[in-house]
Amino acid sequence: QVQLVESGGGLVQPGGSLRLSCAASFGAFTIYSMAWYRQAPG
């Protein structure tokens, strides 16, 4: 079973920075390509 928990988001001003983290809890993690995706409203 794949479990993924994302964190680190927030409100930031234009030009600012954030660092997102993702904790994965599935086996053989090292063999998989991983990615960040995003979905904006609409």
Full PDB file with SEQRES, HELIX, SHEET, SSBOND, CRYST1, ORIGX, SCALE, CONECT and MASTER records, all heavy atoms in Angstrom:
SEQRES   1 A   42  GLN VAL GLN LEU VAL GLU SER GLY GLY GLY LEU VAL GLN          
SEQRES   2 A   42  PRO GLY GLY SER LEU ARG LEU SER CYS ALA ALA SER PHE          
SEQRES   3 A   42  GLY ALA PHE THR ILE TYR SER MET ALA TRP TYR ARG GLN          
SEQRES   4 A   42  ALA PRO GLY                                                  
HELIX    1 AA1 PHE A   29  ILE A   31  5                                   3    
SHEET    1 AA1 2 LEU A   4  SER A   7  0                                        
SHEET    2 AA1 2 SER A  21  ALA A  24 -1                                        
CRYST1    1.000    1.000    1.000  90.00  90.00  90.00 P 1           1          
ORIGX1      1.000000  0.000000  0.000000        0.00000                         
ORIGX2      0.000000  1.000000  0.000000        0.00000                         
ORIGX3      0.000000  0.000000  1.000000        0.00000                         
SCALE1      1.000000  0.000000  0.000000        0.00000                         
SCALE2      0.000000  1.000000  0.000000        0.00000                         
SCALE3      0.000000  0.000000  1.000000        0.00000                         
ATOM      1  N   GLN A   1       0.845  -1.198   0.000  1.00  0.00           N  
ATOM      2  CA  GLN A   1       0.000   0.000   0.000  1.00  0.00           C  
ATOM      3  C   GLN A   1       0.875   1.240   0.000  1.00  0.00           C  
ATOM      4  O   GLN A   1       1.808   1.345   0.771  1.00  0.00           O  
ATOM      5  CB  GLN A   1      -0.911  -0.003   1.215  1.00  0.00           C  
ATOM      6  CG  GLN A   1      -1.882   1.160   1.263  1.00  0.00           C  
ATOM      7  CD  GLN A   1      -2.774   1.109   2.487  1.00  0.00           C  
ATOM      8  OE1 GLN A   1      -2.660   0.197   3.296  1.00  0.00           O  
ATOM      9  NE2 GLN A   1      -3.648   2.071   2.629  1.00  0.00           N  
ATOM     10  N   VAL A   2       0.549   2.158  -0.892  1.00  0.00           N  
ATOM     11  CA  VAL A   2       1.308   3.404  -0.996  1.00  0.00           C  
ATOM     12  C   VAL A   2       0.690   4.439  -0.077  1.00  0.00           C  
ATOM     13  O   VAL A   2      -0.505   4.711  -0.137  1.00  0.00           O  
ATOM     14  CB  VAL A   2       1.313   3.922  -2.447  1.00  0.00           C  
ATOM     15  CG1 VAL A   2       1.994   5.286  -2.509  1.00  0.00           C  
ATOM     16  CG2 VAL A   2       2.012   2.923  -3.361  1.00  0.00           C  
ATOM     17  N   GLN A   3       1.512   4.987   0.813  1.00  0.00           N  
ATOM     18  CA  GLN A   3       1.057   6.093   1.655  1.00  0.00           C  
ATOM     19  C   GLN A   3       2.001   7.260   1.490  1.00  0.00           C  
ATOM     20  O   GLN A   3       3.234   7.084   1.544  1.00  0.00           O  
ATOM     21  CB  GLN A   3       0.995   5.662   3.116  1.00  0.00           C  
ATOM     22  CG  GLN A   3      -0.181   4.767   3.434  1.00  0.00           C  
ATOM     23  CD  GLN A   3      -0.382   4.570   4.923  1.00  0.00           C  
ATOM     24  OE1 GLN A   3       0.579   4.297   5.626  1.00  0.00           O  
ATOM     25  NE2 GLN A   3      -1.610   4.733   5.383  1.00  0.00           N  
ATOM     26  N   LEU A   4       1.434   8.422   1.281  1.00  0.00           N  
ATOM     27  CA  LEU A   4       2.204   9.631   1.046  1.00  0.00           C  
ATOM     28  C   LEU A   4       1.641  10.755   1.908  1.00  0.00           C  
ATOM     29  O   LEU A   4       0.426  10.968   1.923  1.00  0.00           O  
ATOM     30  CB  LEU A   4       2.131  10.019  -0.430  1.00  0.00           C  
ATOM     31  CG  LEU A   4       2.635   8.950  -1.404  1.00  0.00           C  
ATOM     32  CD1 LEU A   4       2.031   9.149  -2.780  1.00  0.00           C  
ATOM     33  CD2 LEU A   4       4.145   8.980  -1.478  1.00  0.00           C  
ATOM     34  N   VAL A   5       2.504  11.458   2.617  1.00  0.00           N  
ATOM     35  CA  VAL A   5       2.075  12.563   3.469  1.00  0.00           C  
ATOM     36  C   VAL A   5       2.906  13.783   3.125  1.00  0.00           C  
ATOM     37  O   VAL A   5       4.119  13.796   3.344  1.00  0.00           O  
ATOM     38  CB  VAL A   5       2.225  12.207   4.955  1.00  0.00           C  
ATOM     39  CG1 VAL A   5       1.786  13.393   5.811  1.00  0.00           C  
ATOM     40  CG2 VAL A   5       1.417  10.967   5.302  1.00  0.00           C  
ATOM     41  N   GLU A   6       2.227  14.802   2.598  1.00  0.00           N  
ATOM     42  CA  GLU A   6       2.896  16.037   2.210  1.00  0.00           C  
ATOM     43  C   GLU A   6       2.779  17.073   3.324  1.00  0.00           C  
ATOM     44  O   GLU A   6       1.781  17.094   4.056  1.00  0.00           O  
ATOM     45  CB  GLU A   6       2.270  16.602   0.930  1.00  0.00           C  
ATOM     46  CG  GLU A   6       2.320  15.666  -0.259  1.00  0.00           C  
ATOM     47  CD  GLU A   6       1.110  14.761  -0.393  1.00  0.00           C  
ATOM     48  OE1 GLU A   6       0.287  14.697   0.552  1.00  0.00           O  
ATOM     49  OE2 GLU A   6       0.967  14.101  -1.443  1.00  0.00           O  
ATOM     50  N   SER A   7       3.789  17.940   3.424  1.00  0.00           N  
ATOM     51  CA  SER A   7       3.767  19.005   4.416  1.00  0.00           C  
ATOM     52  C   SER A   7       4.655  20.147   3.957  1.00  0.00           C  
ATOM     53  O   SER A   7       5.408  20.013   2.983  1.00  0.00           O  
ATOM     54  CB  SER A   7       4.252  18.485   5.777  1.00  0.00           C  
ATOM     55  OG  SER A   7       5.588  18.049   5.691  1.00  0.00           O  
ATOM     56  N   GLY A   8       4.554  21.281   4.660  1.00  0.00           N  
ATOM     57  CA  GLY A   8       5.445  22.394   4.391  1.00  0.00           C  
ATOM     58  C   GLY A   8       4.822  23.561   3.648  1.00  0.00           C  
ATOM     59  O   GLY A   8       5.483  24.577   3.446  1.00  0.00           O  
ATOM     60  N   GLY A   9       3.584  23.428   3.228  1.00  0.00           N  
ATOM     61  CA  GLY A   9       2.935  24.514   2.516  1.00  0.00           C  
ATOM     62  C   GLY A   9       2.597  25.674   3.430  1.00  0.00           C  
ATOM     63  O   GLY A   9       2.806  25.620   4.645  1.00  0.00           O  
ATOM     64  N   GLY A  10       2.067  26.728   2.833  1.00  0.00           N  
ATOM     65  CA  GLY A  10       1.679  27.896   3.612  1.00  0.00           C  
ATOM     66  C   GLY A  10       1.427  29.099   2.739  1.00  0.00           C  
ATOM     67  O   GLY A  10       1.362  28.988   1.507  1.00  0.00           O  
ATOM     68  N   LEU A  11       1.294  30.234   3.394  1.00  0.00           N  
ATOM     69  CA  LEU A  11       1.081  31.505   2.710  1.00  0.00           C  
ATOM     70  C   LEU A  11       2.417  32.237   2.620  1.00  0.00           C  
ATOM     71  O   LEU A  11       3.097  32.409   3.643  1.00  0.00           O  
ATOM     72  CB  LEU A  11       0.072  32.352   3.477  1.00  0.00           C  
ATOM     73  CG  LEU A  11      -0.153  33.786   2.984  1.00  0.00           C  
ATOM     74  CD1 LEU A  11      -0.718  33.782   1.569  1.00  0.00           C  
ATOM     75  CD2 LEU A  11      -1.078  34.517   3.946  1.00  0.00           C  
ATOM     76  N   VAL A  12       2.780  32.667   1.434  1.00  0.00           N  
ATOM     77  CA  VAL A  12       4.056  33.346   1.231  1.00  0.00           C  
ATOM     78  C   VAL A  12       3.858  34.479   0.233  1.00  0.00           C  
ATOM     79  O   VAL A  12       2.998  34.394  -0.659  1.00  0.00           O  
ATOM     80  CB  VAL A  12       5.130  32.339   0.754  1.00  0.00           C  
ATOM     81  CG1 VAL A  12       4.762  31.739  -0.588  1.00  0.00           C  
ATOM     82  CG2 VAL A  12       6.506  32.968   0.727  1.00  0.00           C  
ATOM     83  N   GLN A  13       4.628  35.514   0.385  1.00  0.00           N  
ATOM     84  CA  GLN A  13       4.553  36.651  -0.538  1.00  0.00           C  
ATOM     85  C   GLN A  13       5.270  36.324  -1.851  1.00  0.00           C  
ATOM     86  O   GLN A  13       6.186  35.497  -1.883  1.00  0.00           O  
ATOM     87  CB  GLN A  13       5.178  37.884   0.092  1.00  0.00           C  
ATOM     88  CG  GLN A  13       4.390  38.440   1.269  1.00  0.00           C  
ATOM     89  CD  GLN A  13       4.962  39.747   1.776  1.00  0.00           C  
ATOM     90  OE1 GLN A  13       6.109  40.083   1.509  1.00  0.00           O  
ATOM     91  NE2 GLN A  13       4.163  40.491   2.507  1.00  0.00           N  
ATOM     92  N   PRO A  14       4.879  36.972  -2.927  1.00  0.00           N  
ATOM     93  CA  PRO A  14       5.607  36.783  -4.191  1.00  0.00           C  
ATOM     94  C   PRO A  14       7.097  37.037  -3.997  1.00  0.00           C  
ATOM     95  O   PRO A  14       7.491  37.996  -3.300  1.00  0.00           O  
ATOM     96  CB  PRO A  14       4.972  37.824  -5.113  1.00  0.00           C  
ATOM     97  CG  PRO A  14       3.589  38.000  -4.583  1.00  0.00           C  
ATOM     98  CD  PRO A  14       3.716  37.870  -3.091  1.00  0.00           C  
ATOM     99  N   GLY A  15       7.903  36.174  -4.583  1.00  0.00           N  
ATOM    100  CA  GLY A  15       9.346  36.260  -4.423  1.00  0.00           C  
ATOM    101  C   GLY A  15       9.883  35.464  -3.255  1.00  0.00           C  
ATOM    102  O   GLY A  15      11.103  35.305  -3.116  1.00  0.00           O  
ATOM    103  N   GLY A  16       9.001  34.953  -2.431  1.00  0.00           N  
ATOM    104  CA  GLY A  16       9.416  34.191  -1.262  1.00  0.00           C  
ATOM    105  C   GLY A  16       9.745  32.750  -1.579  1.00  0.00           C  
ATOM    106  O   GLY A  16       9.719  32.325  -2.741  1.00  0.00           O  
ATOM    107  N   SER A  17      10.055  31.992  -0.518  1.00  0.00           N  
ATOM    108  CA  SER A  17      10.465  30.587  -0.665  1.00  0.00           C  
ATOM    109  C   SER A  17       9.702  29.692   0.294  1.00  0.00           C  
ATOM    110  O   SER A  17       9.272  30.137   1.368  1.00  0.00           O  
ATOM    111  CB  SER A  17      11.961  30.451  -0.380  1.00  0.00           C  
ATOM    112  OG  SER A  17      12.735  31.191  -1.298  1.00  0.00           O  
ATOM    113  N   LEU A  18       9.565  28.451  -0.107  1.00  0.00           N  
ATOM    114  CA  LEU A  18       9.005  27.400   0.744  1.00  0.00           C  
ATOM    115  C   LEU A  18       9.725  26.099   0.427  1.00  0.00           C  
ATOM    116  O   LEU A  18      10.191  25.910  -0.699  1.00  0.00           O  
ATOM    117  CB  LEU A  18       7.505  27.207   0.506  1.00  0.00           C  
ATOM    118  CG  LEU A  18       6.521  28.201   1.119  1.00  0.00           C  
ATOM    119  CD1 LEU A  18       5.117  27.899   0.627  1.00  0.00           C  
ATOM    120  CD2 LEU A  18       6.586  28.177   2.629  1.00  0.00           C  
ATOM    121  N   ARG A  19       9.756  25.216   1.407  1.00  0.00           N  
ATOM    122  CA  ARG A  19      10.294  23.874   1.190  1.00  0.00           C  
ATOM    123  C   ARG A  19       9.227  22.857   1.564  1.00  0.00           C  
ATOM    124  O   ARG A  19       8.813  22.793   2.720  1.00  0.00           O  
ATOM    125  CB  ARG A  19      11.551  23.641   2.019  1.00  0.00           C  
ATOM    126  CG  ARG A  19      12.248  22.318   1.692  1.00  0.00           C  
ATOM    127  CD  ARG A  19      13.353  22.023   2.665  1.00  0.00           C  
ATOM    128  NE  ARG A  19      14.205  20.916   2.230  1.00  0.00           N  
ATOM    129  CZ  ARG A  19      14.731  20.016   3.044  1.00  0.00           C  
ATOM    130  NH1 ARG A  19      14.484  20.080   4.345  1.00  0.00           N  
ATOM    131  NH2 ARG A  19      15.511  19.059   2.570  1.00  0.00           N  
ATOM    132  N   LEU A  20       8.813  22.090   0.574  1.00  0.00           N  
ATOM    133  CA  LEU A  20       7.815  21.054   0.800  1.00  0.00           C  
ATOM    134  C   LEU A  20       8.503  19.724   1.091  1.00  0.00           C  
ATOM    135  O   LEU A  20       9.584  19.442   0.560  1.00  0.00           O  
ATOM    136  CB  LEU A  20       6.914  20.909  -0.422  1.00  0.00           C  
ATOM    137  CG  LEU A  20       6.224  22.175  -0.923  1.00  0.00           C  
ATOM    138  CD1 LEU A  20       5.288  21.833  -2.081  1.00  0.00           C  
ATOM    139  CD2 LEU A  20       5.483  22.884   0.180  1.00  0.00           C  
ATOM    140  N   SER A  21       7.847  18.917   1.914  1.00  0.00           N  
ATOM    141  CA  SER A  21       8.357  17.591   2.242  1.00  0.00           C  
ATOM    142  C   SER A  21       7.280  16.549   1.981  1.00  0.00           C  
ATOM    143  O   SER A  21       6.092  16.825   2.140  1.00  0.00           O  
ATOM    144  CB  SER A  21       8.769  17.520   3.715  1.00  0.00           C  
ATOM    145  OG  SER A  21       9.797  18.437   4.005  1.00  0.00           O  
ATOM    146  N   CYS A  22       7.719  15.368   1.603  1.00  0.00           N  
ATOM    147  CA  CYS A  22       6.802  14.256   1.369  1.00  0.00           C  
ATOM    148  C   CYS A  22       7.392  13.013   2.021  1.00  0.00           C  
ATOM    149  O   CYS A  22       8.512  12.619   1.696  1.00  0.00           O  
ATOM    150  CB  CYS A  22       6.611  14.027  -0.122  1.00  0.00           C  
ATOM    151  SG  CYS A  22       5.739  12.503  -0.538  1.00  0.00           S  
ATOM    152  N   ALA A  23       6.620  12.430   2.927  1.00  0.00           N  
ATOM    153  CA  ALA A  23       7.037  11.185   3.582  1.00  0.00           C  
ATOM    154  C   ALA A  23       6.324  10.022   2.909  1.00  0.00           C  
ATOM    155  O   ALA A  23       5.092   9.992   2.839  1.00  0.00           O  
ATOM    156  CB  ALA A  23       6.692  11.250   5.065  1.00  0.00           C  
ATOM    157  N   ALA A  24       7.113   9.090   2.413  1.00  0.00           N  
ATOM    158  CA  ALA A  24       6.560   7.925   1.727  1.00  0.00           C  
ATOM    159  C   ALA A  24       6.710   6.700   2.609  1.00  0.00           C  
ATOM    160  O   ALA A  24       7.735   6.537   3.288  1.00  0.00           O  
ATOM    161  CB  ALA A  24       7.273   7.708   0.405  1.00  0.00           C  
ATOM    162  N   SER A  25       5.708   5.849   2.598  1.00  0.00           N  
ATOM    163  CA  SER A  25       5.776   4.645   3.424  1.00  0.00           C  
ATOM    164  C   SER A  25       5.380   3.439   2.586  1.00  0.00           C  
ATOM    165  O   SER A  25       4.354   2.789   2.862  1.00  0.00           O  
ATOM    166  CB  SER A  25       4.880   4.769   4.654  1.00  0.00           C  
ATOM    167  OG  SER A  25       3.543   5.018   4.267  1.00  0.00           O  
ATOM    168  N   PHE A  26       6.163   3.167   1.568  1.00  0.00           N  
ATOM    169  CA  PHE A  26       5.980   1.952   0.803  1.00  0.00           C  
ATOM    170  C   PHE A  26       7.338   1.319   0.543  1.00  0.00           C  
ATOM    171  O   PHE A  26       8.365   1.995   0.604  1.00  0.00           O  
ATOM    172  CB  PHE A  26       5.243   2.217  -0.517  1.00  0.00           C  
ATOM    173  CG  PHE A  26       5.901   3.236  -1.413  1.00  0.00           C  
ATOM    174  CD1 PHE A  26       6.869   2.856  -2.329  1.00  0.00           C  
ATOM    175  CD2 PHE A  26       5.546   4.577  -1.346  1.00  0.00           C  
ATOM    176  CE1 PHE A  26       7.478   3.788  -3.162  1.00  0.00           C  
ATOM    177  CE2 PHE A  26       6.136   5.516  -2.162  1.00  0.00           C  
ATOM    178  CZ  PHE A  26       7.106   5.121  -3.083  1.00  0.00           C  
ATOM    179  N   GLY A  27       7.304   0.019   0.295  1.00  0.00           N  
ATOM    180  CA  GLY A  27       8.544  -0.709   0.135  1.00  0.00           C  
ATOM    181  C   GLY A  27       9.247  -0.367  -1.165  1.00  0.00           C  
ATOM    182  O   GLY A  27       8.657   0.194  -2.078  1.00  0.00           O  
ATOM    183  N   ALA A  28      10.524  -0.697  -1.215  1.00  0.00           N  
ATOM    184  CA  ALA A  28      11.343  -0.521  -2.420  1.00  0.00           C  
ATOM    185  C   ALA A  28      11.294   0.913  -2.924  1.00  0.00           C  
ATOM    186  O   ALA A  28      11.302   1.151  -4.140  1.00  0.00           O  
ATOM    187  CB  ALA A  28      10.896  -1.482  -3.511  1.00  0.00           C  
ATOM    188  N   PHE A  29      11.289   1.858  -2.018  1.00  0.00           N  
ATOM    189  CA  PHE A  29      11.186   3.286  -2.383  1.00  0.00           C  
ATOM    190  C   PHE A  29      12.281   3.665  -3.372  1.00  0.00           C  
ATOM    191  O   PHE A  29      12.048   4.436  -4.302  1.00  0.00           O  
ATOM    192  CB  PHE A  29      11.285   4.130  -1.108  1.00  0.00           C  
ATOM    193  CG  PHE A  29      11.362   5.608  -1.342  1.00  0.00           C  
ATOM    194  CD1 PHE A  29      10.207   6.339  -1.590  1.00  0.00           C  
ATOM    195  CD2 PHE A  29      12.573   6.289  -1.282  1.00  0.00           C  
ATOM    196  CE1 PHE A  29      10.261   7.709  -1.797  1.00  0.00           C  
ATOM    197  CE2 PHE A  29      12.644   7.650  -1.486  1.00  0.00           C  
ATOM    198  CZ  PHE A  29      11.482   8.363  -1.739  1.00  0.00           C  
ATOM    199  N   THR A  30      13.462   3.103  -3.173  1.00  0.00           N  
ATOM    200  CA  THR A  30      14.615   3.564  -3.954  1.00  0.00           C  
ATOM    201  C   THR A  30      14.493   3.274  -5.444  1.00  0.00           C  
ATOM    202  O   THR A  30      15.149   3.935  -6.251  1.00  0.00           O  
ATOM    203  CB  THR A  30      15.902   2.916  -3.419  1.00  0.00           C  
ATOM    204  OG1 THR A  30      15.749   1.498  -3.449  1.00  0.00           O  
ATOM    205  CG2 THR A  30      16.180   3.367  -2.001  1.00  0.00           C  
ATOM    206  N   ILE A  31      13.676   2.307  -5.834  1.00  0.00           N  
ATOM    207  CA  ILE A  31      13.627   1.943  -7.243  1.00  0.00           C  
ATOM    208  C   ILE A  31      12.632   2.773  -8.041  1.00  0.00           C  
ATOM    209  O   ILE A  31      12.603   2.689  -9.267  1.00  0.00           O  
ATOM    210  CB  ILE A  31      13.290   0.451  -7.432  1.00  0.00           C  
ATOM    211  CG1 ILE A  31      11.820   0.166  -7.059  1.00  0.00           C  
ATOM    212  CG2 ILE A  31      14.237  -0.426  -6.635  1.00  0.00           C  
ATOM    213  CD1 ILE A  31      11.386  -1.238  -7.422  1.00  0.00           C  
ATOM    214  N   TYR A  32      11.840   3.592  -7.331  1.00  0.00           N  
ATOM    215  CA  TYR A  32      10.801   4.347  -8.006  1.00  0.00           C  
ATOM    216  C   TYR A  32      11.227   5.782  -8.298  1.00  0.00           C  
ATOM    217  O   TYR A  32      11.857   6.437  -7.465  1.00  0.00           O  
ATOM    218  CB  TYR A  32       9.523   4.387  -7.166  1.00  0.00           C  
ATOM    219  CG  TYR A  32       8.849   3.037  -7.062  1.00  0.00           C  
ATOM    220  CD1 TYR A  32       9.001   2.261  -5.927  1.00  0.00           C  
ATOM    221  CD2 TYR A  32       8.080   2.552  -8.105  1.00  0.00           C  
ATOM    222  CE1 TYR A  32       8.398   1.016  -5.822  1.00  0.00           C  
ATOM    223  CE2 TYR A  32       7.472   1.314  -8.016  1.00  0.00           C  
ATOM    224  CZ  TYR A  32       7.636   0.549  -6.882  1.00  0.00           C  
ATOM    225  OH  TYR A  32       7.047  -0.664  -6.790  1.00  0.00           O  
ATOM    226  N   SER A  33      10.826   6.246  -9.479  1.00  0.00           N  
ATOM    227  CA  SER A  33      10.898   7.671  -9.741  1.00  0.00           C  
ATOM    228  C   SER A  33       9.775   8.340  -8.972  1.00  0.00           C  
ATOM    229  O   SER A  33       8.658   7.834  -8.918  1.00  0.00           O  
ATOM    230  CB  SER A  33      10.735   7.964 -11.230  1.00  0.00           C  
ATOM    231  OG  SER A  33      11.830   7.460 -11.964  1.00  0.00           O  
ATOM    232  N   MET A  34      10.081   9.488  -8.394  1.00  0.00           N  
ATOM    233  CA  MET A  34       9.099  10.234  -7.608  1.00  0.00           C  
ATOM    234  C   MET A  34       8.906  11.615  -8.217  1.00  0.00           C  
ATOM    235  O   MET A  34       9.765  12.120  -8.954  1.00  0.00           O  
ATOM    236  CB  MET A  34       9.553  10.373  -6.156  1.00  0.00           C  
ATOM    237  CG  MET A  34       9.662   9.046  -5.418  1.00  0.00           C  
ATOM    238  SD  MET A  34       8.077   8.211  -5.215  1.00  0.00           S  
ATOM    239  CE  MET A  34       7.176   9.381  -4.183  1.00  0.00           C  
ATOM    240  N   ALA A  35       7.787  12.219  -7.899  1.00  0.00           N  
ATOM    241  CA  ALA A  35       7.479  13.516  -8.502  1.00  0.00           C  
ATOM    242  C   ALA A  35       6.623  14.361  -7.576  1.00  0.00           C  
ATOM    243  O   ALA A  35       5.953  13.846  -6.674  1.00  0.00           O  
ATOM    244  CB  ALA A  35       6.754  13.330  -9.822  1.00  0.00           C  
ATOM    245  N   TRP A  36       6.664  15.630  -7.824  1.00  0.00           N  
ATOM    246  CA  TRP A  36       5.725  16.582  -7.243  1.00  0.00           C  
ATOM    247  C   TRP A  36       4.751  16.998  -8.341  1.00  0.00           C  
ATOM    248  O   TRP A  36       5.159  17.277  -9.473  1.00  0.00           O  
ATOM    249  CB  TRP A  36       6.431  17.807  -6.684  1.00  0.00           C  
ATOM    250  CG  TRP A  36       7.098  17.542  -5.376  1.00  0.00           C  
ATOM    251  CD1 TRP A  36       8.403  17.199  -5.167  1.00  0.00           C  
ATOM    252  CD2 TRP A  36       6.485  17.589  -4.083  1.00  0.00           C  
ATOM    253  NE1 TRP A  36       8.643  17.028  -3.824  1.00  0.00           N  
ATOM    254  CE2 TRP A  36       7.474  17.268  -3.129  1.00  0.00           C  
ATOM    255  CE3 TRP A  36       5.199  17.888  -3.624  1.00  0.00           C  
ATOM    256  CZ2 TRP A  36       7.224  17.229  -1.754  1.00  0.00           C  
ATOM    257  CZ3 TRP A  36       4.949  17.840  -2.264  1.00  0.00           C  
ATOM    258  CH2 TRP A  36       5.950  17.515  -1.351  1.00  0.00           C  
ATOM    259  N   TYR A  37       3.474  17.026  -7.968  1.00  0.00           N  
ATOM    260  CA  TYR A  37       2.405  17.468  -8.837  1.00  0.00           C  
ATOM    261  C   TYR A  37       1.688  18.615  -8.129  1.00  0.00           C  
ATOM    262  O   TYR A  37       1.812  18.790  -6.930  1.00  0.00           O  
ATOM    263  CB  TYR A  37       1.393  16.334  -9.070  1.00  0.00           C  
ATOM    264  CG  TYR A  37       1.979  15.055  -9.616  1.00  0.00           C  
ATOM    265  CD1 TYR A  37       2.634  14.139  -8.791  1.00  0.00           C  
ATOM    266  CD2 TYR A  37       1.866  14.737 -10.968  1.00  0.00           C  
ATOM    267  CE1 TYR A  37       3.168  12.958  -9.290  1.00  0.00           C  
ATOM    268  CE2 TYR A  37       2.389  13.557 -11.480  1.00  0.00           C  
ATOM    269  CZ  TYR A  37       3.030  12.670 -10.635  1.00  0.00           C  
ATOM    270  OH  TYR A  37       3.551  11.492 -11.134  1.00  0.00           O  
ATOM    271  N   ARG A  38       0.911  19.376  -8.874  1.00  0.00           N  
ATOM    272  CA  ARG A  38       0.123  20.431  -8.237  1.00  0.00           C  
ATOM    273  C   ARG A  38      -1.199  20.590  -8.972  1.00  0.00           C  
ATOM    274  O   ARG A  38      -1.314  20.283 -10.157  1.00  0.00           O  
ATOM    275  CB  ARG A  38       0.879  21.757  -8.203  1.00  0.00           C  
ATOM    276  CG  ARG A  38       1.117  22.413  -9.551  1.00  0.00           C  
ATOM    277  CD  ARG A  38       1.982  23.659  -9.386  1.00  0.00           C  
ATOM    278  NE  ARG A  38       2.213  24.326 -10.660  1.00  0.00           N  
ATOM    279  CZ  ARG A  38       3.048  25.354 -10.820  1.00  0.00           C  
ATOM    280  NH1 ARG A  38       3.722  25.834  -9.771  1.00  0.00           N  
ATOM    281  NH2 ARG A  38       3.199  25.901 -12.001  1.00  0.00           N  
ATOM    282  N   GLN A  39      -2.179  21.079  -8.230  1.00  0.00           N  
ATOM    283  CA  GLN A  39      -3.490  21.328  -8.807  1.00  0.00           C  
ATOM    284  C   GLN A  39      -3.991  22.674  -8.317  1.00  0.00           C  
ATOM    285  O   GLN A  39      -4.223  22.855  -7.111  1.00  0.00           O  
ATOM    286  CB  GLN A  39      -4.479  20.223  -8.444  1.00  0.00           C  
ATOM    287  CG  GLN A  39      -5.811  20.350  -9.151  1.00  0.00           C  
ATOM    288  CD  GLN A  39      -6.661  19.095  -9.037  1.00  0.00           C  
ATOM    289  OE1 GLN A  39      -6.474  18.269  -8.158  1.00  0.00           O  
ATOM    290  NE2 GLN A  39      -7.615  18.950  -9.948  1.00  0.00           N  
ATOM    291  N   ALA A  40      -4.134  23.591  -9.249  1.00  0.00           N  
ATOM    292  CA  ALA A  40      -4.667  24.911  -8.946  1.00  0.00           C  
ATOM    293  C   ALA A  40      -6.192  24.865  -9.052  1.00  0.00           C  
ATOM    294  O   ALA A  40      -6.746  24.007  -9.747  1.00  0.00           O  
ATOM    295  CB  ALA A  40      -4.090  25.939  -9.906  1.00  0.00           C  
ATOM    296  N   PRO A  41      -6.881  25.796  -8.407  1.00  0.00           N  
ATOM    297  CA  PRO A  41      -8.349  25.815  -8.459  1.00  0.00           C  
ATOM    298  C   PRO A  41      -8.850  25.872  -9.897  1.00  0.00           C  
ATOM    299  O   PRO A  41      -8.402  26.695 -10.694  1.00  0.00           O  
ATOM    300  CB  PRO A  41      -8.702  27.093  -7.694  1.00  0.00           C  
ATOM    301  CG  PRO A  41      -7.554  27.315  -6.782  1.00  0.00           C  
ATOM    302  CD  PRO A  41      -6.346  26.840  -7.522  1.00  0.00           C  
ATOM    303  N   GLY A  42      -9.770  24.966 -10.231  1.00  0.00           N  
ATOM    304  CA  GLY A  42     -10.372  24.948 -11.555  1.00  0.00           C  
ATOM    305  C   GLY A  42      -9.491  24.385 -12.647  1.00  0.00           C  
ATOM    306  O   GLY A  42      -9.860  24.433 -13.824  1.00  0.00           O  
TER     307      GLY A  42                                                      
MASTER        0    0    0    1    2    0    0    6  306    1    0    4          
END                                                                             
